[in-house]
C-alpha atoms as a PDB file:
ATOM      1  CA  UNK A   1      -6.892  67.486 177.921  1.00  0.00           C
ATOM      2  CA  UNK A   2      -8.728  69.097 175.023  1.00  0.00           C
ATOM      3  CA  UNK A   3      -7.667  72.480 176.400  1.00  0.00           C
ATOM      4  CA  UNK A   4      -4.045  71.259 176.521  1.00  0.00           C
ATOM      5  CA  UNK A   5      -4.147  70.393 172.823  1.00  0.00           C
ATOM      6  CA  UNK A   6      -5.702  73.746 171.920  1.00  0.00           C
ATOM      7  CA  UNK A   7      -3.183  75.584 174.085  1.00  0.00           C
ATOM      8  CA  UNK A   8      -0.150  73.751 172.751  1.00  0.00           C
ATOM      9  CA  UNK A   9      -1.133  74.479 169.151  1.00  0.00           C
ATOM     10  CA  UNK A  10      -1.469  78.179 170.027  1.00  0.00           C
ATOM     11  CA  UNK A  11       1.907  78.086 171.801  1.00  0.00           C
ATOM     12  CA  UNK A  12       3.612  76.610 168.739  1.00  0.00           C
ATOM     13  CA  UNK A  13       1.847  79.152 166.485  1.00  0.00           C
ATOM     14  CA  UNK A  14       3.058  81.936 168.775  1.00  0.00           C
ATOM     15  CA  UNK A  15       6.701  80.843 168.620  1.00  0.00           C
ATOM     16  CA  UNK A  16       6.503  80.404 164.857  1.00  0.00           C
ATOM     17  CA  UNK A  17       5.143  83.962 164.602  1.00  0.00           C
ATOM     18  CA  UNK A  18       8.084  85.311 166.634  1.00  0.00           C
ATOM     19  CA  UNK A  19      10.455  83.755 164.120  1.00  0.00           C
ATOM     20  CA  UNK A  20       8.384  84.984 161.175  1.00  0.00           C
ATOM     21  CA  UNK A  21       8.302  88.546 162.513  1.00  0.00           C
ATOM     22  CA  UNK A  22      12.048  88.475 163.116  1.00  0.00           C
ATOM     23  CA  UNK A  23      12.795  87.229 159.586  1.00  0.00           C
ATOM     24  CA  UNK A  24      10.665  90.042 158.128  1.00  0.00           C
ATOM     25  CA  UNK A  25      13.001  92.582 159.736  1.00  0.00           C
ATOM     26  CA  UNK A  26      16.279  91.026 158.596  1.00  0.00           C
ATOM     27  CA  UNK A  27      18.224  90.812 155.377  1.00  0.00           C
ATOM     28  CA  UNK A  28      19.640  87.516 154.130  1.00  0.00           C
ATOM     29  CA  UNK A  29      23.104  88.723 155.126  1.00  0.00           C
ATOM     30  CA  UNK A  30      21.917  89.372 158.685  1.00  0.00           C
ATOM     31  CA  UNK A  31      20.348  85.915 158.811  1.00  0.00           C
ATOM     32  CA  UNK A  32      23.727  84.426 157.898  1.00  0.00           C
ATOM     33  CA  UNK A  33      25.779  86.548 160.313  1.00  0.00           C
ATOM     34  CA  UNK A  34      27.759  84.509 162.846  1.00  0.00           C
ATOM     35  CA  UNK A  35      28.555  87.010 165.592  1.00  0.00           C
ATOM     36  CA  UNK A  36      31.503  85.009 166.930  1.00  0.00           C
ATOM     37  CA  UNK A  37      33.655  82.044 166.011  1.00  0.00           C
ATOM     38  CA  UNK A  38      31.660  78.838 166.464  1.00  0.00           C
ATOM     39  CA  UNK A  39      28.451  80.820 167.052  1.00  0.00           C
ATOM     40  CA  UNK A  40      25.355  79.784 165.166  1.00  0.00           C
ATOM     41  CA  UNK A  41      23.836  82.243 162.741  1.00  0.00           C
ATOM     42  CA  UNK A  42      20.070  82.559 162.549  1.00  0.00           C
ATOM     43  CA  UNK A  43      20.270  80.578 159.298  1.00  0.00           C
ATOM     44  CA  UNK A  44      21.990  77.694 161.071  1.00  0.00           C
ATOM     45  CA  UNK A  45      19.495  77.788 163.934  1.00  0.00           C
ATOM     46  CA  UNK A  46      16.653  77.639 161.390  1.00  0.00           C
ATOM     47  CA  UNK A  47      18.289  74.706 159.624  1.00  0.00           C
ATOM     48  CA  UNK A  48      18.659  72.870 162.939  1.00  0.00           C
ATOM     49  CA  UNK A  49      15.089  73.556 164.098  1.00  0.00           C
ATOM     50  CA  UNK A  50      13.684  72.497 160.722  1.00  0.00           C
ATOM     51  CA  UNK A  51      15.760  69.312 160.676  1.00  0.00           C
ATOM     52  CA  UNK A  52      14.607  68.503 164.182  1.00  0.00           C
ATOM     53  CA  UNK A  53      10.960  69.162 163.317  1.00  0.00           C
ATOM     54  CA  UNK A  54      11.030  66.998 160.210  1.00  0.00           C
ATOM     55  CA  UNK A  55      12.623  64.174 162.171  1.00  0.00           C
ATOM     56  CA  UNK A  56      10.479  64.422 165.296  1.00  0.00           C
ATOM     57  CA  UNK A  57       7.087  64.999 163.696  1.00  0.00           C
ATOM     58  CA  UNK A  58       7.202  62.735 160.615  1.00  0.00           C
ATOM     59  CA  UNK A  59       5.176  59.639 161.554  1.00  0.00           C
ATOM     60  CA  UNK A  60       5.193  61.005 165.090  1.00  0.00           C
ATOM     61  CA  UNK A  61       3.062  58.288 166.680  1.00  0.00           C
ATOM     62  CA  UNK A  62       4.592  55.300 164.887  1.00  0.00           C
ATOM     63  CA  UNK A  63       8.339  55.866 164.387  1.00  0.00           C
ATOM     64  CA  UNK A  64      11.241  56.937 166.569  1.00  0.00           C
ATOM     65  CA  UNK A  65      11.631  60.722 166.510  1.00  0.00           C
ATOM     66  CA  UNK A  66      15.296  60.471 165.522  1.00  0.00           C
ATOM     67  CA  UNK A  67      15.023  59.275 161.940  1.00  0.00           C
ATOM     68  CA  UNK A  68      17.868  57.388 160.253  1.00  0.00           C
ATOM     69  CA  UNK A  69      17.732  59.880 157.358  1.00  0.00           C
ATOM     70  CA  UNK A  70      18.404  62.857 159.627  1.00  0.00           C
ATOM     71  CA  UNK A  71      21.976  64.150 159.498  1.00  0.00           C
ATOM     72  CA  UNK A  72      22.036  66.420 162.549  1.00  0.00           C
ATOM     73  CA  UNK A  73      25.677  67.465 162.152  1.00  0.00           C
ATOM     74  CA  UNK A  74      24.932  68.864 158.677  1.00  0.00           C
ATOM     75  CA  UNK A  75      22.271  71.115 160.194  1.00  0.00           C
ATOM     76  CA  UNK A  76      25.114  73.278 161.491  1.00  0.00           C
ATOM     77  CA  UNK A  77      26.432  74.058 158.005  1.00  0.00           C
ATOM     78  CA  UNK A  78      24.763  77.052 156.387  1.00  0.00           C
ATOM     79  CA  UNK A  79      23.888  75.923 152.879  1.00  0.00           C
ATOM     80  CA  UNK A  80      21.077  78.386 152.175  1.00  0.00           C
ATOM     81  CA  UNK A  81      21.590  80.409 149.023  1.00  0.00           C
ATOM     82  CA  UNK A  82      18.596  82.738 149.472  1.00  0.00           C
ATOM     83  CA  UNK A  83      16.271  84.030 152.156  1.00  0.00           C
ATOM     84  CA  UNK A  84      13.369  82.371 150.326  1.00  0.00           C
ATOM     85  CA  UNK A  85      15.127  79.005 150.590  1.00  0.00           C
ATOM     86  CA  UNK A  86      15.603  79.514 154.345  1.00  0.00           C
ATOM     87  CA  UNK A  87      11.931  80.460 154.776  1.00  0.00           C
ATOM     88  CA  UNK A  88      10.810  77.481 152.707  1.00  0.00           C
ATOM     89  CA  UNK A  89      12.764  75.150 154.999  1.00  0.00           C
ATOM     90  CA  UNK A  90      11.446  76.909 158.122  1.00  0.00           C
ATOM     91  CA  UNK A  91       7.854  76.567 156.918  1.00  0.00           C
ATOM     92  CA  UNK A  92       8.332  72.905 155.926  1.00  0.00           C
ATOM     93  CA  UNK A  93       9.327  72.069 159.494  1.00  0.00           C
ATOM     94  CA  UNK A  94       6.310  73.873 160.940  1.00  0.00           C
ATOM     95  CA  UNK A  95       3.996  72.278 158.373  1.00  0.00           C
ATOM     96  CA  UNK A  96       5.210  68.853 159.483  1.00  0.00           C
ATOM     97  CA  UNK A  97       4.718  69.748 163.163  1.00  0.00           C
ATOM     98  CA  UNK A  98       1.184  71.070 162.722  1.00  0.00           C
ATOM     99  CA  UNK A  99       0.189  68.100 160.546  1.00  0.00           C
ATOM    100  CA  UNK A 100       1.250  65.831 163.398  1.00  0.00           C
ATOM    101  CA  UNK A 101      -0.323  67.620 166.362  1.00  0.00           C
ATOM    102  CA  UNK A 102      -3.546  69.089 164.993  1.00  0.00           C
ATOM    103  CA  UNK A 103      -5.218  65.664 164.518  1.00  0.00           C
ATOM    104  CA  UNK A 104      -4.287  64.483 168.041  1.00  0.00           C
ATOM    105  CA  UNK A 105      -7.092  63.586 170.430  1.00  0.00           C
ATOM    106  CA  UNK A 106      -6.984  63.591 174.244  1.00  0.00           C
ATOM    107  CA  UNK A 107      -6.692  59.781 174.210  1.00  0.00           C
ATOM    108  CA  UNK A 108      -3.405  60.097 172.298  1.00  0.00           C
ATOM    109  CA  UNK A 109      -1.676  62.097 175.027  1.00  0.00           C
ATOM    110  CA  UNK A 110      -0.747  59.107 177.194  1.00  0.00           C
ATOM    111  CA  UNK A 111       0.496  56.995 174.297  1.00  0.00           C
ATOM    112  CA  UNK A 112       4.202  56.197 174.370  1.00  0.00           C
ATOM    113  CA  UNK A 113       6.439  57.392 171.553  1.00  0.00           C
ATOM    114  CA  UNK A 114      10.204  57.183 171.293  1.00  0.00           C
ATOM    115  CA  UNK A 115      12.995  59.669 170.698  1.00  0.00           C
ATOM    116  CA  UNK A 116      16.372  57.947 170.376  1.00  0.00           C
ATOM    117  CA  UNK A 117      14.804  54.830 171.891  1.00  0.00           C
ATOM    118  CA  UNK A 118      13.716  56.709 175.029  1.00  0.00           C
ATOM    119  CA  UNK A 119      10.009  56.427 175.783  1.00  0.00           C
ATOM    120  CA  UNK A 120       7.939  59.580 176.262  1.00  0.00           C
ATOM    121  CA  UNK A 121       4.228  60.086 176.610  1.00  0.00           C
ATOM    122  CA  UNK A 122       2.938  62.172 173.739  1.00  0.00           C
ATOM    123  CA  UNK A 123       2.466  65.012 176.247  1.00  0.00           C
ATOM    124  CA  UNK A 124       6.088  64.743 177.379  1.00  0.00           C
ATOM    125  CA  UNK A 125       7.329  64.680 173.784  1.00  0.00           C
ATOM    126  CA  UNK A 126       5.279  67.747 172.875  1.00  0.00           C
ATOM    127  CA  UNK A 127       6.529  69.639 175.948  1.00  0.00           C
ATOM    128  CA  UNK A 128      10.115  68.613 175.173  1.00  0.00           C
ATOM    129  CA  UNK A 129       9.866  69.999 171.658  1.00  0.00           C
ATOM    130  CA  UNK A 130       8.091  73.200 172.729  1.00  0.00           C
ATOM    131  CA  UNK A 131      10.926  73.910 175.166  1.00  0.00           C
ATOM    132  CA  UNK A 132      13.562  73.111 172.532  1.00  0.00           C
ATOM    133  CA  UNK A 133      12.008  75.346 169.879  1.00  0.00           C
ATOM    134  CA  UNK A 134      11.292  78.247 172.234  1.00  0.00           C
ATOM    135  CA  UNK A 135      14.925  78.117 173.390  1.00  0.00           C
ATOM    136  CA  UNK A 136      16.193  78.456 169.820  1.00  0.00           C
ATOM    137  CA  UNK A 137      13.573  80.989 168.755  1.00  0.00           C
ATOM    138  CA  UNK A 138      14.644  83.112 171.712  1.00  0.00           C
ATOM    139  CA  UNK A 139      18.150  83.010 170.240  1.00  0.00           C
ATOM    140  CA  UNK A 140      16.786  84.040 166.841  1.00  0.00           C
ATOM    141  CA  UNK A 141      14.891  87.004 168.308  1.00  0.00           C
ATOM    142  CA  UNK A 142      17.872  88.084 170.411  1.00  0.00           C
ATOM    143  CA  UNK A 143      20.180  88.024 167.394  1.00  0.00           C
ATOM    144  CA  UNK A 144      17.593  89.960 165.381  1.00  0.00           C
ATOM    145  CA  UNK A 145      17.516  92.642 168.090  1.00  0.00           C
ATOM    146  CA  UNK A 146      21.313  92.811 168.106  1.00  0.00           C
ATOM    147  CA  UNK A 147      21.481  93.236 164.329  1.00  0.00           C
ATOM    148  CA  UNK A 148      18.722  95.852 164.080  1.00  0.00           C
ATOM    149  CA  UNK A 149      19.592  97.873 167.186  1.00  0.00           C
ATOM    150  CA  UNK A 150      17.397 100.962 167.492  1.00  0.00           C
ATOM    151  CA  UNK A 151      15.553  99.963 164.288  1.00  0.00           C
ATOM    152  CA  UNK A 152      14.231  96.761 165.881  1.00  0.00           C
ATOM    153  CA  UNK A 153      10.428  96.545 165.959  1.00  0.00           C
ATOM    154  CA  UNK A 154       9.609  94.916 169.285  1.00  0.00           C
ATOM    155  CA  UNK A 155       7.656  91.668 169.350  1.00  0.00           C
ATOM    156  CA  UNK A 156       6.354  92.108 172.879  1.00  0.00           C
ATOM    157  CA  UNK A 157       5.662  94.893 175.348  1.00  0.00           C
ATOM    158  CA  UNK A 158       8.079  97.688 174.491  1.00  0.00           C
ATOM    159  CA  UNK A 159      10.650  98.804 177.031  1.00  0.00           C
ATOM    160  CA  UNK A 160       9.085 101.384 179.323  1.00  0.00           C
ATOM    161  CA  UNK A 161       5.533 100.561 178.179  1.00  0.00           C
ATOM    162  CA  UNK A 162       4.540  98.006 180.844  1.00  0.00           C
ATOM    163  CA  UNK A 163       2.369 100.396 182.843  1.00  0.00           C
ATOM    164  CA  UNK A 164       0.435 101.532 179.775  1.00  0.00           C
ATOM    165  CA  UNK A 165      -0.015  97.920 178.664  1.00  0.00           C
ATOM    166  CA  UNK A 166      -1.164  96.767 182.108  1.00  0.00           C
ATOM    167  CA  UNK A 167      -3.516  99.738 182.528  1.00  0.00           C
ATOM    168  CA  UNK A 168      -5.176  98.822 179.248  1.00  0.00           C
ATOM    169  CA  UNK A 169      -5.486  95.152 180.250  1.00  0.00           C
ATOM    170  CA  UNK A 170      -6.946  95.935 183.681  1.00  0.00           C
ATOM    171  CA  UNK A 171      -9.524  98.260 182.116  1.00  0.00           C
ATOM    172  CA  UNK A 172     -10.946  95.349 180.120  1.00  0.00           C
ATOM    173  CA  UNK A 173     -13.524  92.868 181.360  1.00  0.00           C
ATOM    174  CA  UNK A 174     -12.105  89.697 182.856  1.00  0.00           C
ATOM    175  CA  UNK A 175     -12.208  86.918 180.323  1.00  0.00           C
ATOM    176  CA  UNK A 176     -10.914  83.410 179.710  1.00  0.00           C
ATOM    177  CA  UNK A 177      -8.701  83.246 176.652  1.00  0.00           C
ATOM    178  CA  UNK A 178      -5.250  82.227 175.564  1.00  0.00           C
ATOM    179  CA  UNK A 179      -2.574  84.877 176.036  1.00  0.00           C
ATOM    180  CA  UNK A 180      -1.749  84.748 172.316  1.00  0.00           C
ATOM    181  CA  UNK A 181      -5.289  85.675 171.239  1.00  0.00           C
ATOM    182  CA  UNK A 182      -4.524  89.419 171.311  1.00  0.00           C
ATOM    183  CA  UNK A 183      -1.115  89.245 169.654  1.00  0.00           C
END
């Protein structure tokens, strides 16, 4: 279970980095762009993820993950006035998450916590949130690619470069490491 905790931290760090690298490529106007009526802009997605993180990870082991002070519906109103404000909110959510999971021990993983009064093991709750955040970060990256078009700097193996990438990997010694270690 120690390897699970190490892996999950690296997974969360990886998804945070995908968001970070997308934000670096976009202007504030692009972050606020809603591509269709009722579509969420990247700014709104960030506000939602951050609100979720602050609610879920504050007093993670002792309080329900849906806090009474969270106003989920307001997360879908873009109130950011600057890119720095958006990034500050994004980082606050991640700070809260990492402060909650980094101190966890293997014995904590079978403890029961609640989200909206529904019991989850700590492992289940972590997996639930990883899936939720990766879903939304995928949306963020996709929108970033749409906005930048040919100027997009890829965050993974570039189109048409799989063979070169795989050749390089298979020319290295076999090793045991997390897939994010080389990113």
